[in-house]
C-alpha atoms as a PDB file:
ATOM      1  CA  MET A   1      43.635 -36.183 -22.050  1.00  0.00           C
ATOM      2  CA  ASP A   2      42.119 -35.652 -25.347  1.00  0.00           C
ATOM      3  CA  ASP A   3      44.861 -37.068 -27.538  1.00  0.00           C
ATOM      4  CA  THR A   4      43.062 -39.653 -30.005  1.00  0.00           C
ATOM      5  CA  ARG A   5      45.747 -41.938 -28.923  1.00  0.00           C
ATOM      6  CA  GLU A   6      44.757 -42.099 -25.237  1.00  0.00           C
ATOM      7  CA  SER A   7      41.742 -44.242 -25.769  1.00  0.00           C
ATOM      8  CA  SER A   8      43.708 -46.772 -27.686  1.00  0.00           C
ATOM      9  CA  ARG A   9      46.465 -46.595 -24.898  1.00  0.00           C
ATOM     10  CA  LEU A  10      43.925 -47.166 -22.088  1.00  0.00           C
ATOM     11  CA  LYS A  11      42.252 -49.758 -23.994  1.00  0.00           C
ATOM     12  CA  SER A  12      45.430 -51.953 -24.270  1.00  0.00           C
ATOM     13  CA  LYS A  13      46.120 -51.622 -20.648  1.00  0.00           C
ATOM     14  CA  VAL A  14      42.774 -52.839 -19.558  1.00  0.00           C
ATOM     15  CA  GLU A  15      42.082 -56.462 -19.058  1.00  0.00           C
ATOM     16  CA  PRO A  16      38.155 -56.648 -18.847  1.00  0.00           C
ATOM     17  CA  ASN A  17      37.537 -60.001 -17.844  1.00  0.00           C
ATOM     18  CA  THR A  18      39.697 -59.986 -14.882  1.00  0.00           C
ATOM     19  CA  PHE A  19      38.408 -56.684 -13.735  1.00  0.00           C
ATOM     20  CA  ILE A  20      34.704 -57.904 -14.186  1.00  0.00           C
ATOM     21  CA  LYS A  21      35.509 -61.273 -12.380  1.00  0.00           C
ATOM     22  CA  LYS A  22      37.531 -60.007  -9.515  1.00  0.00           C
ATOM     23  CA  TYR A  23      35.285 -56.985  -8.726  1.00  0.00           C
ATOM     24  CA  LEU A  24      31.856 -57.235 -10.380  1.00  0.00           C
ATOM     25  CA  THR A  25      30.806 -60.827 -10.469  1.00  0.00           C
ATOM     26  CA  PRO A  26      30.872 -61.090  -6.699  1.00  0.00           C
ATOM     27  CA  LEU A  27      28.272 -58.513  -6.344  1.00  0.00           C
ATOM     28  CA  ILE A  28      26.030 -59.541  -8.970  1.00  0.00           C
ATOM     29  CA  ASN A  29      23.033 -61.743  -8.068  1.00  0.00           C
ATOM     30  CA  SER A  30      19.717 -62.798  -9.547  1.00  0.00           C
ATOM     31  CA  LYS A  31      18.165 -59.517  -8.533  1.00  0.00           C
ATOM     32  CA  THR A  32      20.686 -57.242 -10.285  1.00  0.00           C
ATOM     33  CA  GLY A  33      19.001 -55.599 -13.109  1.00  0.00           C
ATOM     34  CA  ASN A  34      21.339 -53.078 -14.176  1.00  0.00           C
ATOM     35  CA  ILE A  35      24.783 -51.669 -14.017  1.00  0.00           C
ATOM     36  CA  LEU A  36      26.581 -48.436 -14.671  1.00  0.00           C
ATOM     37  CA  ASP A  37      30.217 -47.655 -15.809  1.00  0.00           C
ATOM     38  CA  VAL A  38      31.077 -44.299 -15.110  1.00  0.00           C
ATOM     39  CA  GLY A  39      33.891 -42.848 -17.277  1.00  0.00           C
ATOM     40  CA  CYS A  40      33.609 -45.856 -19.408  1.00  0.00           C
ATOM     41  CA  GLY A  41      36.238 -44.447 -21.934  1.00  0.00           C
ATOM     42  CA  SER A  42      36.644 -47.021 -24.817  1.00  0.00           C
ATOM     43  CA  GLY A  43      33.763 -48.970 -23.555  1.00  0.00           C
ATOM     44  CA  ILE A  44      35.786 -52.338 -23.470  1.00  0.00           C
ATOM     45  CA  ILE A  45      34.559 -53.249 -19.899  1.00  0.00           C
ATOM     46  CA  THR A  46      31.199 -52.105 -20.364  1.00  0.00           C
ATOM     47  CA  SER A  47      30.743 -54.159 -23.683  1.00  0.00           C
ATOM     48  CA  THR A  48      32.286 -57.292 -22.356  1.00  0.00           C
ATOM     49  CA  LEU A  49      30.109 -56.917 -19.074  1.00  0.00           C
ATOM     50  CA  ALA A  50      27.106 -57.009 -21.445  1.00  0.00           C
ATOM     51  CA  LYS A  51      28.107 -60.003 -23.196  1.00  0.00           C
ATOM     52  CA  LYS A  52      28.650 -62.013 -19.988  1.00  0.00           C
ATOM     53  CA  PHE A  53      25.352 -60.920 -18.386  1.00  0.00           C
ATOM     54  CA  ASN A  54      23.053 -60.687 -21.227  1.00  0.00           C
ATOM     55  CA  ASN A  55      20.055 -60.445 -18.804  1.00  0.00           C
ATOM     56  CA  ILE A  56      21.159 -57.373 -17.119  1.00  0.00           C
ATOM     57  CA  SER A  57      21.045 -53.594 -18.616  1.00  0.00           C
ATOM     58  CA  ILE A  58      24.650 -52.365 -18.844  1.00  0.00           C
ATOM     59  CA  THR A  59      25.080 -48.652 -19.418  1.00  0.00           C
ATOM     60  CA  GLY A  60      28.355 -46.644 -20.076  1.00  0.00           C
ATOM     61  CA  ILE A  61      28.822 -43.035 -19.840  1.00  0.00           C
ATOM     62  CA  ASP A  62      31.674 -40.882 -20.796  1.00  0.00           C
ATOM     63  CA  LEU A  63      32.194 -37.154 -21.591  1.00  0.00           C
ATOM     64  CA  SER A  64      33.967 -38.331 -24.995  1.00  0.00           C
ATOM     65  CA  LYS A  65      31.507 -39.914 -27.196  1.00  0.00           C
ATOM     66  CA  GLN A  66      34.540 -40.348 -29.520  1.00  0.00           C
ATOM     67  CA  ARG A  67      35.936 -42.784 -27.084  1.00  0.00           C
ATOM     68  CA  PHE A  68      33.326 -45.327 -26.999  1.00  0.00           C
ATOM     69  CA  ASN A  69      32.087 -45.060 -30.576  1.00  0.00           C
ATOM     70  CA  ASN A  70      33.862 -48.059 -31.613  1.00  0.00           C
ATOM     71  CA  GLU A  71      32.452 -50.577 -29.233  1.00  0.00           C
ATOM     72  CA  ARG A  72      29.217 -49.050 -29.812  1.00  0.00           C
ATOM     73  CA  THR A  73      29.258 -49.636 -33.399  1.00  0.00           C
ATOM     74  CA  LYS A  74      30.787 -53.132 -32.879  1.00  0.00           C
ATOM     75  CA  HIS A  75      28.076 -54.111 -30.731  1.00  0.00           C
ATOM     76  CA  SER A  76      25.064 -52.294 -32.214  1.00  0.00           C
ATOM     77  CA  ASP A  77      22.874 -55.319 -32.251  1.00  0.00           C
ATOM     78  CA  SER A  78      23.318 -55.776 -28.238  1.00  0.00           C
ATOM     79  CA  LYS A  79      19.814 -55.120 -26.628  1.00  0.00           C
ATOM     80  CA  ASN A  80      21.359 -54.778 -23.077  1.00  0.00           C
ATOM     81  CA  LEU A  81      24.206 -52.189 -23.954  1.00  0.00           C
ATOM     82  CA  ASN A  82      23.783 -48.728 -23.754  1.00  0.00           C
ATOM     83  CA  PHE A  83      26.488 -45.982 -24.198  1.00  0.00           C
ATOM     84  CA  ILE A  84      25.481 -42.084 -23.242  1.00  0.00           C
ATOM     85  CA  GLN A  85      27.602 -39.094 -23.903  1.00  0.00           C
ATOM     86  CA  GLY A  86      27.339 -37.180 -20.489  1.00  0.00           C
ATOM     87  CA  SER A  87      29.298 -35.612 -17.361  1.00  0.00           C
ATOM     88  CA  ALA A  88      29.943 -37.723 -14.428  1.00  0.00           C
ATOM     89  CA  GLU A  89      29.327 -34.601 -12.251  1.00  0.00           C
ATOM     90  CA  ASN A  90      25.511 -34.410 -13.590  1.00  0.00           C
ATOM     91  CA  MET A  91      24.476 -37.726 -14.941  1.00  0.00           C
ATOM     92  CA  PRO A  92      21.123 -37.948 -16.887  1.00  0.00           C
ATOM     93  CA  PHE A  93      19.530 -40.772 -14.856  1.00  0.00           C
ATOM     94  CA  HIS A  94      16.815 -40.647 -12.120  1.00  0.00           C
ATOM     95  CA  SER A  95      17.921 -41.155  -8.522  1.00  0.00           C
ATOM     96  CA  ASN A  96      17.946 -44.703  -7.099  1.00  0.00           C
ATOM     97  CA  HIS A  97      18.000 -46.462 -10.747  1.00  0.00           C
ATOM     98  CA  PHE A  98      21.238 -48.667 -10.745  1.00  0.00           C
ATOM     99  CA  ASP A  99      22.222 -51.812  -8.806  1.00  0.00           C
ATOM    100  CA  ILE A 100      26.046 -51.459  -9.131  1.00  0.00           C
ATOM    101  CA  VAL A 101      27.765 -48.159 -10.143  1.00  0.00           C
ATOM    102  CA  PHE A 102      31.690 -48.355 -11.021  1.00  0.00           C
ATOM    103  CA  ILE A 103      34.379 -46.045 -11.760  1.00  0.00           C
ATOM    104  CA  ARG A 104      37.947 -46.702 -12.835  1.00  0.00           C
ATOM    105  CA  PHE A 105      40.703 -44.365 -13.194  1.00  0.00           C
ATOM    106  CA  LEU A 106      38.619 -41.348 -13.542  1.00  0.00           C
ATOM    107  CA  LEU A 107      38.808 -39.619 -10.373  1.00  0.00           C
ATOM    108  CA  GLU A 108      42.564 -38.705 -10.732  1.00  0.00           C
ATOM    109  CA  TYR A 109      41.734 -36.579 -13.393  1.00  0.00           C
ATOM    110  CA  SER A 110      38.714 -34.588 -11.525  1.00  0.00           C
ATOM    111  CA  LYS A 111      38.939 -31.147 -10.176  1.00  0.00           C
ATOM    112  CA  SER A 112      35.844 -32.369  -7.913  1.00  0.00           C
ATOM    113  CA  PRO A 113      36.125 -36.087  -7.138  1.00  0.00           C
ATOM    114  CA  LEU A 114      33.904 -35.949  -4.139  1.00  0.00           C
ATOM    115  CA  ASN A 115      31.075 -34.454  -6.633  1.00  0.00           C
ATOM    116  CA  ILE A 116      31.412 -37.248  -8.652  1.00  0.00           C
ATOM    117  CA  ILE A 117      31.027 -39.960  -5.727  1.00  0.00           C
ATOM    118  CA  LYS A 118      28.085 -38.172  -4.470  1.00  0.00           C
ATOM    119  CA  GLU A 119      26.722 -38.323  -7.908  1.00  0.00           C
ATOM    120  CA  MET A 120      27.375 -42.142  -8.288  1.00  0.00           C
ATOM    121  CA  TYR A 121      25.599 -42.354  -4.783  1.00  0.00           C
ATOM    122  CA  ARG A 122      22.489 -40.462  -6.316  1.00  0.00           C
ATOM    123  CA  VAL A 123      21.905 -42.884  -9.014  1.00  0.00           C
ATOM    124  CA  THR A 124      22.394 -45.989  -7.185  1.00  0.00           C
ATOM    125  CA  LYS A 125      19.595 -47.750  -5.489  1.00  0.00           C
ATOM    126  CA  PRO A 126      19.270 -48.210  -1.861  1.00  0.00           C
ATOM    127  CA  ASN A 127      21.398 -51.355  -0.832  1.00  0.00           C
ATOM    128  CA  GLY A 128      23.077 -51.115  -4.330  1.00  0.00           C
ATOM    129  CA  PHE A 129      26.857 -51.116  -4.635  1.00  0.00           C
ATOM    130  CA  ILE A 130      29.513 -48.437  -5.552  1.00  0.00           C
ATOM    131  CA  ILE A 131      32.990 -49.320  -6.510  1.00  0.00           C
ATOM    132  CA  LEU A 132      35.858 -46.591  -6.795  1.00  0.00           C
ATOM    133  CA  GLN A 133      38.947 -47.751  -8.191  1.00  0.00           C
ATOM    134  CA  ASP A 134      42.039 -45.392  -8.789  1.00  0.00           C
ATOM    135  CA  LEU A 135      45.895 -45.187  -8.780  1.00  0.00           C
ATOM    136  CA  ASP A 136      48.256 -43.830  -5.974  1.00  0.00           C
ATOM    137  CA  ALA A 137      51.562 -42.395  -6.588  1.00  0.00           C
ATOM    138  CA  GLN A 138      51.526 -42.752 -10.252  1.00  0.00           C
ATOM    139  CA  LEU A 139      54.657 -41.278 -11.815  1.00  0.00           C
ATOM    140  CA  ALA A 140      55.789 -40.327  -8.520  1.00  0.00           C
ATOM    141  CA  THR A 141      57.500 -43.171  -6.563  1.00  0.00           C
ATOM    142  CA  HIS A 142      61.185 -44.076  -7.691  1.00  0.00           C
ATOM    143  CA  TYR A 143      64.383 -45.292  -5.865  1.00  0.00           C
ATOM    144  CA  PRO A 144      66.993 -44.266  -5.889  1.00  0.00           C
ATOM    145  CA  GLU A 145      66.021 -40.772  -6.308  1.00  0.00           C
ATOM    146  CA  ASN A 146      67.482 -38.475  -9.333  1.00  0.00           C
ATOM    147  CA  LYS A 147      67.176 -35.180  -7.924  1.00  0.00           C
ATOM    148  CA  SER A 148      67.159 -33.537 -11.469  1.00  0.00           C
ATOM    149  CA  LEU A 149      64.314 -35.806 -12.541  1.00  0.00           C
ATOM    150  CA  GLN A 150      62.334 -35.499  -9.470  1.00  0.00           C
ATOM    151  CA  ASN A 151      62.659 -31.699  -9.375  1.00  0.00           C
ATOM    152  CA  ARG A 152      61.495 -31.636 -13.024  1.00  0.00           C
ATOM    153  CA  LEU A 153      58.515 -34.009 -12.103  1.00  0.00           C
ATOM    154  CA  ASP A 154      57.382 -32.038  -9.300  1.00  0.00           C
ATOM    155  CA  ILE A 155      57.029 -28.849 -11.514  1.00  0.00           C
ATOM    156  CA  ILE A 156      55.095 -31.076 -14.001  1.00  0.00           C
ATOM    157  CA  LEU A 157      52.875 -32.542 -11.392  1.00  0.00           C
ATOM    158  CA  LYS A 158      52.171 -28.937 -10.081  1.00  0.00           C
ATOM    159  CA  HIS A 159      51.282 -28.020 -13.339  1.00  0.00           C
ATOM    160  CA  LEU A 160      48.755 -30.782 -13.948  1.00  0.00           C
ATOM    161  CA  SER A 161      47.224 -30.505 -10.508  1.00  0.00           C
ATOM    162  CA  LYS A 162      45.692 -26.974 -11.948  1.00  0.00           C
ATOM    163  CA  SER A 163      43.482 -29.100 -14.224  1.00  0.00           C
ATOM    164  CA  GLY A 164      42.588 -31.508 -11.606  1.00  0.00           C
ATOM    165  CA  PHE A 165      45.092 -34.601 -12.036  1.00  0.00           C
ATOM    166  CA  ASP A 166      46.025 -35.904  -8.685  1.00  0.00           C
ATOM    167  CA  PRO A 167      48.590 -38.806  -8.526  1.00  0.00           C
ATOM    168  CA  TYR A 168      47.870 -39.527  -5.002  1.00  0.00           C
ATOM    169  CA  ILE A 169      43.936 -39.877  -5.342  1.00  0.00           C
ATOM    170  CA  GLY A 170      43.935 -43.475  -4.485  1.00  0.00           C
ATOM    171  CA  ARG A 171      44.617 -42.700  -0.733  1.00  0.00           C
ATOM    172  CA  LYS A 172      41.779 -40.275  -0.413  1.00  0.00           C
ATOM    173  CA  LEU A 173      39.247 -42.852  -1.499  1.00  0.00           C
ATOM    174  CA  PHE A 174      38.456 -44.134   1.822  1.00  0.00           C
ATOM    175  CA  HIS A 175      37.738 -40.581   3.205  1.00  0.00           C
ATOM    176  CA  PHE A 176      35.651 -39.707   0.142  1.00  0.00           C
ATOM    177  CA  GLY A 177      33.582 -42.761   0.544  1.00  0.00           C
ATOM    178  CA  LYS A 178      32.894 -41.678   4.129  1.00  0.00           C
ATOM    179  CA  LYS A 179      31.914 -38.052   3.154  1.00  0.00           C
ATOM    180  CA  ALA A 180      29.721 -39.383   0.480  1.00  0.00           C
ATOM    181  CA  SER A 181      27.679 -41.749   3.072  1.00  0.00           C
ATOM    182  CA  LEU A 182      28.747 -44.977   1.889  1.00  0.00           C
ATOM    183  CA  SER A 183      28.357 -47.868   4.394  1.00  0.00           C
ATOM    184  CA  SER A 184      29.980 -51.457   4.538  1.00  0.00           C
ATOM    185  CA  ILE A 185      33.210 -50.183   3.011  1.00  0.00           C
ATOM    186  CA  ASP A 186      35.580 -52.534   1.824  1.00  0.00           C
ATOM    187  CA  LEU A 187      39.242 -51.256   0.889  1.00  0.00           C
ATOM    188  CA  GLN A 188      41.708 -53.269  -1.062  1.00  0.00           C
ATOM    189  CA  LEU A 189      45.404 -52.139  -1.873  1.00  0.00           C
ATOM    190  CA  GLU A 190      47.565 -53.774  -4.613  1.00  0.00           C
ATOM    191  CA  PRO A 191      50.388 -52.773  -6.619  1.00  0.00           C
ATOM    192  CA  TYR A 192      49.748 -51.807  -9.754  1.00  0.00           C
ATOM    193  CA  HIS A 193      53.097 -50.514 -11.580  1.00  0.00           C
ATOM    194  CA  LEU A 194      55.992 -52.453 -10.254  1.00  0.00           C
ATOM    195  CA  PHE A 195      59.263 -52.019 -12.467  1.00  0.00           C
ATOM    196  CA  ALA A 196      62.111 -53.563 -10.376  1.00  0.00           C
ATOM    197  CA  GLY A 197      64.977 -53.126 -12.765  1.00  0.00           C
ATOM    198  CA  LYS A 198      64.810 -52.428 -16.648  1.00  0.00           C
ATOM    199  CA  ILE A 199      61.212 -52.086 -17.644  1.00  0.00           C
ATOM    200  CA  ASP A 200      59.821 -54.736 -19.941  1.00  0.00           C
ATOM    201  CA  PRO A 201      59.226 -54.006 -23.805  1.00  0.00           C
ATOM    202  CA  HIS A 202      55.387 -53.852 -23.381  1.00  0.00           C
ATOM    203  CA  ASN A 203      55.193 -51.480 -20.775  1.00  0.00           C
ATOM    204  CA  GLU A 204      57.996 -49.533 -22.105  1.00  0.00           C
ATOM    205  CA  SER A 205      56.146 -48.893 -25.415  1.00  0.00           C
ATOM    206  CA  LEU A 206      53.068 -47.973 -23.098  1.00  0.00           C
ATOM    207  CA  TRP A 207      54.935 -45.339 -20.732  1.00  0.00           C
ATOM    208  CA  ASP A 208      56.787 -43.955 -23.820  1.00  0.00           C
ATOM    209  CA  LEU A 209      53.352 -43.272 -25.409  1.00  0.00           C
ATOM    210  CA  LYS A 210      51.908 -41.897 -22.165  1.00  0.00           C
ATOM    211  CA  LEU A 211      54.699 -39.493 -21.918  1.00  0.00           C
ATOM    212  CA  ASP A 212      54.296 -38.615 -25.508  1.00  0.00           C
ATOM    213  CA  ILE A 213      50.533 -37.917 -25.424  1.00  0.00           C
ATOM    214  CA  ALA A 214      51.421 -35.657 -22.100  1.00  0.00           C
ATOM    215  CA  LEU A 215      54.232 -33.786 -23.980  1.00  0.00           C
ATOM    216  CA  PRO A 216      52.068 -30.648 -24.765  1.00  0.00           C
ATOM    217  CA  GLU A 217      51.431 -30.150 -21.037  1.00  0.00           C
ATOM    218  CA  ILE A 218      54.932 -31.060 -20.150  1.00  0.00           C
ATOM    219  CA  ILE A 219      56.066 -28.311 -22.689  1.00  0.00           C
ATOM    220  CA  LYS A 220      53.658 -25.823 -20.918  1.00  0.00           C
ATOM    221  CA  ALA A 221      55.249 -26.862 -17.316  1.00  0.00           C
ATOM    222  CA  LEU A 222      58.929 -26.847 -18.312  1.00  0.00           C
ATOM    223  CA  GLY A 223      58.697 -23.817 -20.764  1.00  0.00           C
ATOM    224  CA  SER A 224      59.848 -25.416 -23.828  1.00  0.00           C
ATOM    225  CA  LYS A 225      59.737 -28.170 -26.114  1.00  0.00           C
ATOM    226  CA  ASP A 226      63.549 -29.001 -25.974  1.00  0.00           C
ATOM    227  CA  LYS A 227      63.329 -29.274 -21.938  1.00  0.00           C
ATOM    228  CA  ALA A 228      60.032 -31.382 -22.334  1.00  0.00           C
ATOM    229  CA  THR A 229      61.799 -33.864 -24.742  1.00  0.00           C
ATOM    230  CA  GLN A 230      64.849 -34.164 -22.532  1.00  0.00           C
ATOM    231  CA  PHE A 231      62.489 -34.799 -19.563  1.00  0.00           C
ATOM    232  CA  LYS A 232      61.034 -37.762 -21.407  1.00  0.00           C
ATOM    233  CA  ASN A 233      64.092 -39.053 -22.569  1.00  0.00           C
ATOM    234  CA  ASP A 234      65.576 -38.935 -18.863  1.00  0.00           C
ATOM    235  CA  TYR A 235      62.430 -40.475 -17.437  1.00  0.00           C
ATOM    236  CA  MET A 236      62.392 -43.135 -20.033  1.00  0.00           C
ATOM    237  CA  ASN A 237      66.151 -44.074 -19.373  1.00  0.00           C
ATOM    238  CA  TYR A 238      65.558 -44.015 -15.674  1.00  0.00           C
ATOM    239  CA  LEU A 239      62.850 -46.715 -16.221  1.00  0.00           C
ATOM    240  CA  LYS A 240      65.395 -48.595 -18.268  1.00  0.00           C
ATOM    241  CA  ASP A 241      68.133 -48.545 -15.689  1.00  0.00           C
ATOM    242  CA  GLU A 242      68.776 -52.096 -14.156  1.00  0.00           C
ATOM    243  CA  SER A 243      69.392 -50.585 -10.688  1.00  0.00           C
ATOM    244  CA  THR A 244      66.136 -48.659 -10.275  1.00  0.00           C
ATOM    245  CA  LEU A 245      62.793 -49.367  -9.039  1.00  0.00           C
ATOM    246  CA  THR A 246      59.371 -47.640  -9.831  1.00  0.00           C
ATOM    247  CA  PHE A 247      56.132 -48.530  -8.540  1.00  0.00           C
ATOM    248  CA  SER A 248      52.360 -47.414  -7.820  1.00  0.00           C
ATOM    249  CA  ASN A 249      49.508 -48.710  -5.936  1.00  0.00           C
ATOM    250  CA  LEU A 250      45.901 -49.387  -6.910  1.00  0.00           C
ATOM    251  CA  PHE A 251      43.220 -48.771  -4.228  1.00  0.00           C
ATOM    252  CA  THR A 252      39.711 -50.564  -4.873  1.00  0.00           C
ATOM    253  CA  LEU A 253      36.812 -49.202  -2.637  1.00  0.00           C
ATOM    254  CA  THR A 254      33.496 -51.008  -2.531  1.00  0.00           C
ATOM    255  CA  GLY A 255      30.525 -49.596  -0.406  1.00  0.00           C
ATOM    256  CA  LYS A 256      26.616 -49.676  -0.177  1.00  0.00           C
ATOM    257  CA  LYS A 257      24.203 -47.036  -0.149  1.00  0.00           C
ATOM    258  CA  THR A 258      21.503 -47.720   2.634  1.00  0.00           C
ATOM    259  CA  THR A 259      19.031 -44.861   2.115  1.00  0.00           C
ATOM    260  CA  SER A 260      17.262 -43.458  -0.762  1.00  0.00           C
ATOM    261  CA  CYS A 261      17.525 -40.071  -2.101  1.00  0.00           C
END
């Protein structure tokens, strides 16, 4: 999504220290020389990683320079941090270059996720690590089912799929990892969204903003602004219902590259 508010929304949802400690730190050792953050977005994880490991070269790449400009300006004196504007499908790096390459919450928006993973494989050194992390059943898993809401949601998701959005990308990561020749694959599954009963105020504001940012696409899917606004109101009211459950899962795949290319 190109809305200028999207970068701030995503940044507010990220806990960079938690992500780094849980998924990256176990892979880093004395031989780790460089790490690549693919689809770095606001760059908050990238810059935090550079600060924590100042002896390692950290690079972030994103199609939108506007998203990471703030972090790049804030850390302009950092000698081990570099932000580059570019496509995840055709990255401007030599093959066999990075020790660790990771991607978070980008594959769900791509028309060609396998191509991105293969490109990540290309730029990773032999015996280097690749991390794929994304959601599964985002927006789509609720109980009890509200048929009117679900029917409209199905129409919206079908429309969004034309641009590449896949709410079920998480469950596909293992298959894609195998297709991209990753070895020693470790796959983790954990809850991400879990709203049992009324959604809390913090997440309510984030979801309200998420749907507001998506409103132009919802209008296209449903055919009018009034219908889109009504859907947003109905969805938010569902999340605020004490008797409803909404959840999604987070898949994290870690694999190795064993051959050069």
